[in-house]
PDB file of all heavy atoms in Angstrom:
ATOM      1  N   VAL A   1     -24.638 -13.540 -57.981  1.00  0.00           N
ATOM      2  CA  VAL A   1     -23.781 -14.544 -57.443  1.00  0.00           C
ATOM      3  C   VAL A   1     -24.186 -14.956 -56.026  1.00  0.00           C
ATOM      4  O   VAL A   1     -24.181 -16.218 -55.739  1.00  0.00           O
ATOM      5  CB  VAL A   1     -22.337 -14.026 -57.472  1.00  0.00           C
ATOM      6  CG1 VAL A   1     -21.395 -14.936 -56.707  1.00  0.00           C
ATOM      7  CG2 VAL A   1     -21.852 -13.809 -58.876  1.00  0.00           C
ATOM      8  N   VAL A   2     -24.499 -14.040 -55.155  1.00  0.00           N
ATOM      9  CA  VAL A   2     -24.905 -14.353 -53.766  1.00  0.00           C
ATOM     10  C   VAL A   2     -26.208 -15.184 -53.755  1.00  0.00           C
ATOM     11  O   VAL A   2     -26.398 -16.150 -53.062  1.00  0.00           O
ATOM     12  CB  VAL A   2     -25.102 -13.046 -52.978  1.00  0.00           C
ATOM     13  CG1 VAL A   2     -25.692 -13.381 -51.589  1.00  0.00           C
ATOM     14  CG2 VAL A   2     -23.733 -12.374 -52.819  1.00  0.00           C
ATOM     15  N   SER A   3     -27.175 -14.725 -54.607  1.00  0.00           N
ATOM     16  CA  SER A   3     -28.445 -15.493 -54.712  1.00  0.00           C
ATOM     17  C   SER A   3     -28.297 -16.911 -55.156  1.00  0.00           C
ATOM     18  O   SER A   3     -29.013 -17.820 -54.699  1.00  0.00           O
ATOM     19  CB  SER A   3     -29.407 -14.728 -55.603  1.00  0.00           C
ATOM     20  OG  SER A   3     -30.640 -15.365 -55.775  1.00  0.00           O
ATOM     21  N   ALA A   4     -27.377 -17.114 -56.075  1.00  0.00           N
ATOM     22  CA  ALA A   4     -27.172 -18.435 -56.701  1.00  0.00           C
ATOM     23  C   ALA A   4     -26.341 -19.377 -55.781  1.00  0.00           C
ATOM     24  O   ALA A   4     -26.251 -20.514 -56.074  1.00  0.00           O
ATOM     25  CB  ALA A   4     -26.464 -18.284 -58.024  1.00  0.00           C
ATOM     26  N   ASN A   5     -25.774 -18.817 -54.731  1.00  0.00           N
ATOM     27  CA  ASN A   5     -24.908 -19.669 -53.847  1.00  0.00           C
ATOM     28  C   ASN A   5     -25.335 -19.612 -52.371  1.00  0.00           C
ATOM     29  O   ASN A   5     -24.576 -19.266 -51.514  1.00  0.00           O
ATOM     30  CB  ASN A   5     -23.439 -19.071 -53.981  1.00  0.00           C
ATOM     31  CG  ASN A   5     -22.820 -19.396 -55.327  1.00  0.00           C
ATOM     32  OD1 ASN A   5     -22.324 -20.514 -55.553  1.00  0.00           O
ATOM     33  ND2 ASN A   5     -22.962 -18.458 -56.244  1.00  0.00           N
ATOM     34  N   GLN A   6     -26.656 -19.764 -52.216  1.00  0.00           N
ATOM     35  CA  GLN A   6     -27.243 -19.818 -50.865  1.00  0.00           C
ATOM     36  C   GLN A   6     -26.834 -21.171 -50.226  1.00  0.00           C
ATOM     37  O   GLN A   6     -26.547 -22.151 -50.830  1.00  0.00           O
ATOM     38  CB  GLN A   6     -28.718 -19.703 -50.930  1.00  0.00           C
ATOM     39  CG  GLN A   6     -29.161 -18.296 -51.381  1.00  0.00           C
ATOM     40  CD  GLN A   6     -28.805 -17.204 -50.284  1.00  0.00           C
ATOM     41  OE1 GLN A   6     -29.276 -17.313 -49.208  1.00  0.00           O
ATOM     42  NE2 GLN A   6     -28.022 -16.215 -50.710  1.00  0.00           N
ATOM     43  N   ILE A   7     -26.960 -21.187 -48.867  1.00  0.00           N
ATOM     44  CA  ILE A   7     -26.578 -22.385 -48.097  1.00  0.00           C
ATOM     45  C   ILE A   7     -27.797 -23.312 -48.048  1.00  0.00           C
ATOM     46  O   ILE A   7     -28.948 -22.858 -47.892  1.00  0.00           O
ATOM     47  CB  ILE A   7     -26.210 -21.900 -46.653  1.00  0.00           C
ATOM     48  CG1 ILE A   7     -25.032 -20.855 -46.726  1.00  0.00           C
ATOM     49  CG2 ILE A   7     -25.750 -23.149 -45.834  1.00  0.00           C
ATOM     50  CD1 ILE A   7     -23.881 -21.289 -47.573  1.00  0.00           C
ATOM     51  N   PRO A   8     -27.597 -24.604 -48.169  1.00  0.00           N
ATOM     52  CA  PRO A   8     -28.708 -25.568 -48.159  1.00  0.00           C
ATOM     53  C   PRO A   8     -29.619 -25.396 -46.918  1.00  0.00           C
ATOM     54  O   PRO A   8     -29.120 -25.124 -45.781  1.00  0.00           O
ATOM     55  CB  PRO A   8     -28.064 -26.925 -48.205  1.00  0.00           C
ATOM     56  CG  PRO A   8     -26.760 -26.686 -48.841  1.00  0.00           C
ATOM     57  CD  PRO A   8     -26.283 -25.286 -48.424  1.00  0.00           C
ATOM     58  N   ALA A   9     -30.933 -25.590 -47.134  1.00  0.00           N
ATOM     59  CA  ALA A   9     -31.886 -25.334 -45.979  1.00  0.00           C
ATOM     60  C   ALA A   9     -31.591 -26.215 -44.813  1.00  0.00           C
ATOM     61  O   ALA A   9     -31.857 -25.795 -43.730  1.00  0.00           O
ATOM     62  CB  ALA A   9     -33.272 -25.638 -46.555  1.00  0.00           C
ATOM     63  N   ASP A  10     -31.089 -27.461 -45.011  1.00  0.00           N
ATOM     64  CA  ASP A  10     -30.905 -28.310 -43.839  1.00  0.00           C
ATOM     65  C   ASP A  10     -29.854 -27.846 -42.859  1.00  0.00           C
ATOM     66  O   ASP A  10     -29.974 -28.016 -41.682  1.00  0.00           O
ATOM     67  CB  ASP A  10     -30.602 -29.801 -44.288  1.00  0.00           C
ATOM     68  CG  ASP A  10     -29.381 -29.842 -45.215  1.00  0.00           C
ATOM     69  OD1 ASP A  10     -28.841 -28.752 -45.563  1.00  0.00           O
ATOM     70  OD2 ASP A  10     -28.939 -30.969 -45.618  1.00  0.00           O
ATOM     71  N   GLN A  11     -28.867 -27.160 -43.389  1.00  0.00           N
ATOM     72  CA  GLN A  11     -27.792 -26.628 -42.551  1.00  0.00           C
ATOM     73  C   GLN A  11     -28.408 -25.500 -41.645  1.00  0.00           C
ATOM     74  O   GLN A  11     -28.124 -25.402 -40.434  1.00  0.00           O
ATOM     75  CB  GLN A  11     -26.668 -26.056 -43.358  1.00  0.00           C
ATOM     76  CG  GLN A  11     -25.832 -27.092 -44.016  1.00  0.00           C
ATOM     77  CD  GLN A  11     -24.556 -26.440 -44.632  1.00  0.00           C
ATOM     78  OE1 GLN A  11     -24.068 -25.492 -44.142  1.00  0.00           O
ATOM     79  NE2 GLN A  11     -24.091 -27.085 -45.711  1.00  0.00           N
ATOM     80  N   LEU A  12     -29.188 -24.601 -42.263  1.00  0.00           N
ATOM     81  CA  LEU A  12     -29.816 -23.511 -41.439  1.00  0.00           C
ATOM     82  C   LEU A  12     -30.784 -24.008 -40.523  1.00  0.00           C
ATOM     83  O   LEU A  12     -30.939 -23.463 -39.376  1.00  0.00           O
ATOM     84  CB  LEU A  12     -30.360 -22.504 -42.418  1.00  0.00           C
ATOM     85  CG  LEU A  12     -29.422 -21.806 -43.444  1.00  0.00           C
ATOM     86  CD1 LEU A  12     -30.168 -20.817 -44.307  1.00  0.00           C
ATOM     87  CD2 LEU A  12     -28.300 -21.144 -42.705  1.00  0.00           C
ATOM     88  N   GLU A  13     -31.591 -24.994 -40.914  1.00  0.00           N
ATOM     89  CA  GLU A  13     -32.650 -25.603 -39.952  1.00  0.00           C
ATOM     90  C   GLU A  13     -31.936 -26.293 -38.773  1.00  0.00           C
ATOM     91  O   GLU A  13     -32.377 -26.156 -37.640  1.00  0.00           O
ATOM     92  CB  GLU A  13     -33.388 -26.602 -40.722  1.00  0.00           C
ATOM     93  CG  GLU A  13     -34.368 -25.853 -41.740  1.00  0.00           C
ATOM     94  CD  GLU A  13     -35.020 -26.925 -42.624  1.00  0.00           C
ATOM     95  OE1 GLU A  13     -34.745 -28.134 -42.556  1.00  0.00           O
ATOM     96  OE2 GLU A  13     -35.889 -26.493 -43.533  1.00  0.00           O
ATOM     97  N   ALA A  14     -30.787 -26.954 -39.025  1.00  0.00           N
ATOM     98  CA  ALA A  14     -30.035 -27.571 -37.944  1.00  0.00           C
ATOM     99  C   ALA A  14     -29.460 -26.524 -36.958  1.00  0.00           C
ATOM    100  O   ALA A  14     -29.514 -26.685 -35.725  1.00  0.00           O
ATOM    101  CB  ALA A  14     -28.938 -28.400 -38.490  1.00  0.00           C
ATOM    102  N   ALA A  15     -29.012 -25.362 -37.553  1.00  0.00           N
ATOM    103  CA  ALA A  15     -28.502 -24.268 -36.696  1.00  0.00           C
ATOM    104  C   ALA A  15     -29.610 -23.687 -35.881  1.00  0.00           C
ATOM    105  O   ALA A  15     -29.394 -23.302 -34.717  1.00  0.00           O
ATOM    106  CB  ALA A  15     -27.843 -23.246 -37.617  1.00  0.00           C
ATOM    107  N   SER A  16     -30.782 -23.506 -36.483  1.00  0.00           N
ATOM    108  CA  SER A  16     -31.986 -22.991 -35.757  1.00  0.00           C
ATOM    109  C   SER A  16     -32.330 -23.898 -34.594  1.00  0.00           C
ATOM    110  O   SER A  16     -32.694 -23.445 -33.507  1.00  0.00           O
ATOM    111  CB  SER A  16     -33.168 -22.817 -36.701  1.00  0.00           C
ATOM    112  OG  SER A  16     -32.846 -21.898 -37.707  1.00  0.00           O
ATOM    113  N   LEU A  17     -32.301 -25.197 -34.783  1.00  0.00           N
ATOM    114  CA  LEU A  17     -32.603 -26.158 -33.706  1.00  0.00           C
ATOM    115  C   LEU A  17     -31.576 -26.122 -32.572  1.00  0.00           C
ATOM    116  O   LEU A  17     -31.865 -26.356 -31.395  1.00  0.00           O
ATOM    117  CB  LEU A  17     -32.648 -27.618 -34.267  1.00  0.00           C
ATOM    118  CG  LEU A  17     -33.799 -27.927 -35.184  1.00  0.00           C
ATOM    119  CD1 LEU A  17     -33.652 -29.316 -35.713  1.00  0.00           C
ATOM    120  CD2 LEU A  17     -35.109 -27.810 -34.484  1.00  0.00           C
ATOM    121  N   ASP A  18     -30.339 -25.657 -32.926  1.00  0.00           N
ATOM    122  CA  ASP A  18     -29.380 -25.484 -31.914  1.00  0.00           C
ATOM    123  C   ASP A  18     -29.427 -24.126 -31.226  1.00  0.00           C
ATOM    124  O   ASP A  18     -28.568 -23.774 -30.365  1.00  0.00           O
ATOM    125  CB  ASP A  18     -27.933 -25.694 -32.503  1.00  0.00           C
ATOM    126  CG  ASP A  18     -27.708 -27.128 -32.944  1.00  0.00           C
ATOM    127  OD1 ASP A  18     -28.387 -28.012 -32.304  1.00  0.00           O
ATOM    128  OD2 ASP A  18     -26.820 -27.383 -33.792  1.00  0.00           O
ATOM    129  N   GLY A  19     -30.378 -23.313 -31.588  1.00  0.00           N
ATOM    130  CA  GLY A  19     -30.615 -22.016 -30.986  1.00  0.00           C
ATOM    131  C   GLY A  19     -29.851 -20.871 -31.605  1.00  0.00           C
ATOM    132  O   GLY A  19     -29.793 -19.760 -30.963  1.00  0.00           O
ATOM    133  N   ALA A  20     -29.315 -21.009 -32.831  1.00  0.00           N
ATOM    134  CA  ALA A  20     -28.606 -19.943 -33.458  1.00  0.00           C
ATOM    135  C   ALA A  20     -29.594 -18.812 -33.908  1.00  0.00           C
ATOM    136  O   ALA A  20     -30.626 -19.171 -34.538  1.00  0.00           O
ATOM    137  CB  ALA A  20     -27.823 -20.452 -34.652  1.00  0.00           C
ATOM    138  N   SER A  21     -29.249 -17.604 -33.639  1.00  0.00           N
ATOM    139  CA  SER A  21     -30.071 -16.512 -34.084  1.00  0.00           C
ATOM    140  C   SER A  21     -29.867 -16.267 -35.545  1.00  0.00           C
ATOM    141  O   SER A  21     -28.970 -16.832 -36.212  1.00  0.00           O
ATOM    142  CB  SER A  21     -29.713 -15.212 -33.322  1.00  0.00           C
ATOM    143  OG  SER A  21     -28.333 -14.818 -33.617  1.00  0.00           O
ATOM    144  N   SER A  22     -30.706 -15.421 -36.175  1.00  0.00           N
ATOM    145  CA  SER A  22     -30.635 -15.104 -37.597  1.00  0.00           C
ATOM    146  C   SER A  22     -29.297 -14.452 -37.974  1.00  0.00           C
ATOM    147  O   SER A  22     -28.672 -14.748 -38.928  1.00  0.00           O
ATOM    148  CB  SER A  22     -31.783 -14.169 -38.016  1.00  0.00           C
ATOM    149  OG  SER A  22     -33.016 -14.812 -37.818  1.00  0.00           O
ATOM    150  N   VAL A  23     -28.839 -13.552 -37.053  1.00  0.00           N
ATOM    151  CA  VAL A  23     -27.581 -12.849 -37.235  1.00  0.00           C
ATOM    152  C   VAL A  23     -26.401 -13.819 -37.205  1.00  0.00           C
ATOM    153  O   VAL A  23     -25.491 -13.778 -38.031  1.00  0.00           O
ATOM    154  CB  VAL A  23     -27.385 -11.723 -36.219  1.00  0.00           C
ATOM    155  CG1 VAL A  23     -25.959 -11.127 -36.375  1.00  0.00           C
ATOM    156  CG2 VAL A  23     -28.469 -10.653 -36.415  1.00  0.00           C
ATOM    157  N   ARG A  24     -26.484 -14.756 -36.220  1.00  0.00           N
ATOM    158  CA  ARG A  24     -25.348 -15.711 -36.087  1.00  0.00           C
ATOM    159  C   ARG A  24     -25.330 -16.631 -37.253  1.00  0.00           C
ATOM    160  O   ARG A  24     -24.255 -17.039 -37.757  1.00  0.00           O
ATOM    161  CB  ARG A  24     -25.550 -16.453 -34.733  1.00  0.00           C
ATOM    162  CG  ARG A  24     -24.385 -17.329 -34.523  1.00  0.00           C
ATOM    163  CD  ARG A  24     -24.457 -18.024 -33.175  1.00  0.00           C
ATOM    164  NE  ARG A  24     -23.267 -18.883 -32.901  1.00  0.00           N
ATOM    165  CZ  ARG A  24     -23.151 -19.604 -31.772  1.00  0.00           C
ATOM    166  NH1 ARG A  24     -24.032 -19.581 -30.950  1.00  0.00           N
ATOM    167  NH2 ARG A  24     -22.105 -20.394 -31.672  1.00  0.00           N
ATOM    168  N   LYS A  25     -26.503 -17.103 -37.760  1.00  0.00           N
ATOM    169  CA  LYS A  25     -26.576 -17.940 -38.880  1.00  0.00           C
ATOM    170  C   LYS A  25     -25.966 -17.249 -40.122  1.00  0.00           C
ATOM    171  O   LYS A  25     -25.268 -17.868 -40.955  1.00  0.00           O
ATOM    172  CB  LYS A  25     -28.003 -18.391 -39.210  1.00  0.00           C
ATOM    173  CG  LYS A  25     -28.497 -19.441 -38.194  1.00  0.00           C
ATOM    174  CD  LYS A  25     -29.841 -20.020 -38.682  1.00  0.00           C
ATOM    175  CE  LYS A  25     -30.918 -18.948 -38.553  1.00  0.00           C
ATOM    176  NZ  LYS A  25     -32.262 -19.521 -38.868  1.00  0.00           N
ATOM    177  N   ARG A  26     -26.328 -15.960 -40.286  1.00  0.00           N
ATOM    178  CA  ARG A  26     -25.890 -15.246 -41.454  1.00  0.00           C
ATOM    179  C   ARG A  26     -24.286 -15.142 -41.394  1.00  0.00           C
ATOM    180  O   ARG A  26     -23.679 -15.385 -42.444  1.00  0.00           O
ATOM    181  CB  ARG A  26     -26.425 -13.827 -41.395  1.00  0.00           C
ATOM    182  CG  ARG A  26     -26.003 -12.939 -42.529  1.00  0.00           C
ATOM    183  CD  ARG A  26     -26.770 -13.325 -43.840  1.00  0.00           C
ATOM    184  NE  ARG A  26     -28.170 -12.848 -43.774  1.00  0.00           N
ATOM    185  CZ  ARG A  26     -29.116 -13.251 -44.588  1.00  0.00           C
ATOM    186  NH1 ARG A  26     -28.808 -14.155 -45.461  1.00  0.00           N
ATOM    187  NH2 ARG A  26     -30.327 -12.808 -44.465  1.00  0.00           N
ATOM    188  N   PHE A  27     -23.688 -14.739 -40.283  1.00  0.00           N
ATOM    189  CA  PHE A  27     -22.303 -14.472 -40.276  1.00  0.00           C
ATOM    190  C   PHE A  27     -21.426 -15.588 -39.860  1.00  0.00           C
ATOM    191  O   PHE A  27     -20.197 -15.653 -40.144  1.00  0.00           O
ATOM    192  CB  PHE A  27     -22.041 -13.267 -39.325  1.00  0.00           C
ATOM    193  CG  PHE A  27     -22.530 -12.004 -39.883  1.00  0.00           C
ATOM    194  CD1 PHE A  27     -23.735 -11.494 -39.461  1.00  0.00           C
ATOM    195  CD2 PHE A  27     -21.838 -11.286 -40.881  1.00  0.00           C
ATOM    196  CE1 PHE A  27     -24.293 -10.287 -39.921  1.00  0.00           C
ATOM    197  CE2 PHE A  27     -22.350 -10.099 -41.287  1.00  0.00           C
ATOM    198  CZ  PHE A  27     -23.539  -9.567 -40.907  1.00  0.00           C
ATOM    199  N   ALA A  28     -21.981 -16.659 -39.204  1.00  0.00           N
ATOM    200  CA  ALA A  28     -21.202 -17.814 -38.782  1.00  0.00           C
ATOM    201  C   ALA A  28     -21.361 -19.002 -39.752  1.00  0.00           C
ATOM    202  O   ALA A  28     -20.466 -19.854 -39.781  1.00  0.00           O
ATOM    203  CB  ALA A  28     -21.568 -18.220 -37.346  1.00  0.00           C
ATOM    204  N   ILE A  29     -22.431 -19.093 -40.488  1.00  0.00           N
ATOM    205  CA  ILE A  29     -22.702 -20.223 -41.306  1.00  0.00           C
ATOM    206  C   ILE A  29     -22.738 -19.785 -42.807  1.00  0.00           C
ATOM    207  O   ILE A  29     -22.016 -20.366 -43.665  1.00  0.00           O
ATOM    208  CB  ILE A  29     -24.072 -20.911 -40.914  1.00  0.00           C
ATOM    209  CG1 ILE A  29     -23.897 -21.444 -39.470  1.00  0.00           C
ATOM    210  CG2 ILE A  29     -24.333 -22.133 -41.854  1.00  0.00           C
ATOM    211  CD1 ILE A  29     -25.230 -21.982 -38.883  1.00  0.00           C
ATOM    212  N   GLU A  30     -23.648 -18.867 -43.164  1.00  0.00           N
ATOM    213  CA  GLU A  30     -23.848 -18.526 -44.524  1.00  0.00           C
ATOM    214  C   GLU A  30     -22.601 -17.784 -45.162  1.00  0.00           C
ATOM    215  O   GLU A  30     -22.049 -18.265 -46.152  1.00  0.00           O
ATOM    216  CB  GLU A  30     -25.051 -17.610 -44.704  1.00  0.00           C
ATOM    217  CG  GLU A  30     -26.353 -18.352 -44.302  1.00  0.00           C
ATOM    218  CD  GLU A  30     -27.586 -17.458 -44.526  1.00  0.00           C
ATOM    219  OE1 GLU A  30     -27.816 -17.041 -45.644  1.00  0.00           O
ATOM    220  OE2 GLU A  30     -28.328 -17.246 -43.522  1.00  0.00           O
ATOM    221  N   LEU A  31     -22.191 -16.700 -44.584  1.00  0.00           N
ATOM    222  CA  LEU A  31     -21.120 -15.848 -45.120  1.00  0.00           C
ATOM    223  C   LEU A  31     -19.844 -16.618 -45.366  1.00  0.00           C
ATOM    224  O   LEU A  31     -19.231 -16.513 -46.428  1.00  0.00           O
ATOM    225  CB  LEU A  31     -20.932 -14.589 -44.247  1.00  0.00           C
ATOM    226  CG  LEU A  31     -19.921 -13.600 -44.815  1.00  0.00           C
ATOM    227  CD1 LEU A  31     -20.329 -13.162 -46.205  1.00  0.00           C
ATOM    228  CD2 LEU A  31     -19.766 -12.407 -43.828  1.00  0.00           C
ATOM    229  N   PRO A  32     -19.374 -17.427 -44.403  1.00  0.00           N
ATOM    230  CA  PRO A  32     -18.081 -18.127 -44.621  1.00  0.00           C
ATOM    231  C   PRO A  32     -18.100 -19.114 -45.845  1.00  0.00           C
ATOM    232  O   PRO A  32     -17.139 -19.249 -46.501  1.00  0.00           O
ATOM    233  CB  PRO A  32     -17.908 -18.982 -43.296  1.00  0.00           C
ATOM    234  CG  PRO A  32     -18.628 -18.199 -42.266  1.00  0.00           C
ATOM    235  CD  PRO A  32     -19.786 -17.592 -42.966  1.00  0.00           C
ATOM    236  N   GLN A  33     -19.308 -19.755 -46.060  1.00  0.00           N
ATOM    237  CA  GLN A  33     -19.394 -20.611 -47.224  1.00  0.00           C
ATOM    238  C   GLN A  33     -19.572 -19.889 -48.539  1.00  0.00           C
ATOM    239  O   GLN A  33     -19.302 -20.374 -49.583  1.00  0.00           O
ATOM    240  CB  GLN A  33     -20.582 -21.617 -47.027  1.00  0.00           C
ATOM    241  CG  GLN A  33     -20.303 -22.485 -45.786  1.00  0.00           C
ATOM    242  CD  GLN A  33     -21.397 -23.617 -45.645  1.00  0.00           C
ATOM    243  OE1 GLN A  33     -21.698 -24.356 -46.572  1.00  0.00           O
ATOM    244  NE2 GLN A  33     -22.123 -23.600 -44.545  1.00  0.00           N
ATOM    245  N   GLN A  34     -20.144 -18.684 -48.515  1.00  0.00           N
ATOM    246  CA  GLN A  34     -20.368 -17.868 -49.700  1.00  0.00           C
ATOM    247  C   GLN A  34     -19.117 -17.028 -50.028  1.00  0.00           C
ATOM    248  O   GLN A  34     -19.017 -16.494 -51.140  1.00  0.00           O
ATOM    249  CB  GLN A  34     -21.511 -16.943 -49.520  1.00  0.00           C
ATOM    250  CG  GLN A  34     -22.894 -17.625 -49.307  1.00  0.00           C
ATOM    251  CD  GLN A  34     -24.009 -16.658 -48.929  1.00  0.00           C
ATOM    252  OE1 GLN A  34     -23.726 -15.726 -48.042  1.00  0.00           O
ATOM    253  NE2 GLN A  34     -25.153 -16.801 -49.425  1.00  0.00           N
ATOM    254  N   LEU A  35     -18.204 -16.913 -49.116  1.00  0.00           N
ATOM    255  CA  LEU A  35     -17.123 -15.964 -49.242  1.00  0.00           C
ATOM    256  C   LEU A  35     -16.217 -16.231 -50.507  1.00  0.00           C
ATOM    257  O   LEU A  35     -15.864 -15.308 -51.173  1.00  0.00           O
ATOM    258  CB  LEU A  35     -16.227 -15.974 -47.963  1.00  0.00           C
ATOM    259  CG  LEU A  35     -15.267 -14.746 -47.834  1.00  0.00           C
ATOM    260  CD1 LEU A  35     -16.081 -13.459 -47.879  1.00  0.00           C
ATOM    261  CD2 LEU A  35     -14.560 -14.890 -46.524  1.00  0.00           C
ATOM    262  N   ALA A  36     -15.862 -17.514 -50.752  1.00  0.00           N
ATOM    263  CA  ALA A  36     -14.970 -17.837 -51.864  1.00  0.00           C
ATOM    264  C   ALA A  36     -15.597 -17.420 -53.183  1.00  0.00           C
ATOM    265  O   ALA A  36     -14.915 -16.790 -53.992  1.00  0.00           O
ATOM    266  CB  ALA A  36     -14.682 -19.350 -51.851  1.00  0.00           C
ATOM    267  N   GLY A  37     -16.870 -17.626 -53.380  1.00  0.00           N
ATOM    268  CA  GLY A  37     -17.541 -17.253 -54.611  1.00  0.00           C
ATOM    269  C   GLY A  37     -17.609 -15.689 -54.718  1.00  0.00           C
ATOM    270  O   GLY A  37     -17.457 -15.123 -55.757  1.00  0.00           O
ATOM    271  N   MET A  38     -17.909 -15.065 -53.626  1.00  0.00           N
ATOM    272  CA  MET A  38     -18.011 -13.597 -53.592  1.00  0.00           C
ATOM    273  C   MET A  38     -16.615 -12.986 -53.880  1.00  0.00           C
ATOM    274  O   MET A  38     -16.534 -11.951 -54.569  1.00  0.00           O
ATOM    275  CB  MET A  38     -18.516 -13.096 -52.226  1.00  0.00           C
ATOM    276  CG  MET A  38     -19.958 -13.411 -51.982  1.00  0.00           C
ATOM    277  SD  MET A  38     -20.500 -13.026 -50.243  1.00  0.00           S
ATOM    278  CE  MET A  38     -20.068 -11.240 -50.274  1.00  0.00           C
ATOM    279  N   LEU A  39     -15.573 -13.543 -53.304  1.00  0.00           N
ATOM    280  CA  LEU A  39     -14.242 -13.064 -53.608  1.00  0.00           C
ATOM    281  C   LEU A  39     -13.853 -13.190 -55.064  1.00  0.00           C
ATOM    282  O   LEU A  39     -13.244 -12.233 -55.663  1.00  0.00           O
ATOM    283  CB  LEU A  39     -13.230 -13.757 -52.716  1.00  0.00           C
ATOM    284  CG  LEU A  39     -13.277 -13.437 -51.225  1.00  0.00           C
ATOM    285  CD1 LEU A  39     -12.281 -14.321 -50.454  1.00  0.00           C
ATOM    286  CD2 LEU A  39     -12.973 -11.930 -50.960  1.00  0.00           C
ATOM    287  N   SER A  40     -14.213 -14.285 -55.677  1.00  0.00           N
ATOM    288  CA  SER A  40     -13.987 -14.518 -57.057  1.00  0.00           C
ATOM    289  C   SER A  40     -14.746 -13.439 -57.897  1.00  0.00           C
ATOM    290  O   SER A  40     -14.185 -12.912 -58.813  1.00  0.00           O
ATOM    291  CB  SER A  40     -14.323 -15.910 -57.447  1.00  0.00           C
ATOM    292  OG  SER A  40     -14.146 -16.106 -58.840  1.00  0.00           O
ATOM    293  N   ALA A  41     -16.001 -13.311 -57.594  1.00  0.00           N
ATOM    294  CA  ALA A  41     -16.805 -12.315 -58.294  1.00  0.00           C
ATOM    295  C   ALA A  41     -16.272 -10.889 -58.084  1.00  0.00           C
ATOM    296  O   ALA A  41     -16.220 -10.054 -59.053  1.00  0.00           O
ATOM    297  CB  ALA A  41     -18.321 -12.372 -57.845  1.00  0.00           C
ATOM    298  N   GLY A  42     -15.834 -10.605 -56.826  1.00  0.00           N
ATOM    299  CA  GLY A  42     -15.267  -9.374 -56.590  1.00  0.00           C
ATOM    300  C   GLY A  42     -13.934  -9.079 -57.304  1.00  0.00           C
ATOM    301  O   GLY A  42     -13.711  -7.972 -57.801  1.00  0.00           O
ATOM    302  N   LEU A  43     -13.178 -10.114 -57.487  1.00  0.00           N
ATOM    303  CA  LEU A  43     -11.992 -10.047 -58.343  1.00  0.00           C
ATOM    304  C   LEU A  43     -12.348  -9.629 -59.779  1.00  0.00           C
ATOM    305  O   LEU A  43     -11.742  -8.781 -60.405  1.00  0.00           O
ATOM    306  CB  LEU A  43     -11.201 -11.317 -58.329  1.00  0.00           C
ATOM    307  CG  LEU A  43     -10.043 -11.498 -59.344  1.00  0.00           C
ATOM    308  CD1 LEU A  43      -8.969 -10.483 -59.054  1.00  0.00           C
ATOM    309  CD2 LEU A  43      -9.520 -12.909 -59.338  1.00  0.00           C
ATOM    310  N   LEU A  44     -13.364 -10.302 -60.328  1.00  0.00           N
ATOM    311  CA  LEU A  44     -13.875 -10.016 -61.702  1.00  0.00           C
ATOM    312  C   LEU A  44     -14.258  -8.541 -61.794  1.00  0.00           C
ATOM    313  O   LEU A  44     -13.891  -7.853 -62.751  1.00  0.00           O
ATOM    314  CB  LEU A  44     -15.009 -10.948 -62.027  1.00  0.00           C
ATOM    315  CG  LEU A  44     -15.398 -10.933 -63.451  1.00  0.00           C
ATOM    316  CD1 LEU A  44     -14.300 -11.521 -64.390  1.00  0.00           C
ATOM    317  CD2 LEU A  44     -16.691 -11.753 -63.666  1.00  0.00           C
ATOM    318  N   VAL A  45     -14.980  -8.097 -60.764  1.00  0.00           N
ATOM    319  CA  VAL A  45     -15.428  -6.649 -60.797  1.00  0.00           C
ATOM    320  C   VAL A  45     -14.217  -5.752 -60.762  1.00  0.00           C
ATOM    321  O   VAL A  45     -14.190  -4.702 -61.456  1.00  0.00           O
ATOM    322  CB  VAL A  45     -16.375  -6.392 -59.581  1.00  0.00           C
ATOM    323  CG1 VAL A  45     -16.765  -4.942 -59.493  1.00  0.00           C
ATOM    324  CG2 VAL A  45     -17.706  -7.178 -59.822  1.00  0.00           C
ATOM    325  N   ALA A  46     -13.223  -6.037 -59.881  1.00  0.00           N
ATOM    326  CA  ALA A  46     -12.084  -5.204 -59.744  1.00  0.00           C
ATOM    327  C   ALA A  46     -11.322  -5.119 -61.081  1.00  0.00           C
ATOM    328  O   ALA A  46     -10.854  -4.049 -61.473  1.00  0.00           O
ATOM    329  CB  ALA A  46     -11.218  -5.691 -58.623  1.00  0.00           C
TER     330      ALA A  46
END
């Protein structure tokens, strides 16, 4: 589920141009957008 719901490359490239570190991109950009799908999959697992 996580692999299939990656953030588009242009968003991450724009964040890199703005000086965002890898950790900040992961937790400030990627994770918030992936969270809804992960929660749904987590519900299914539960």
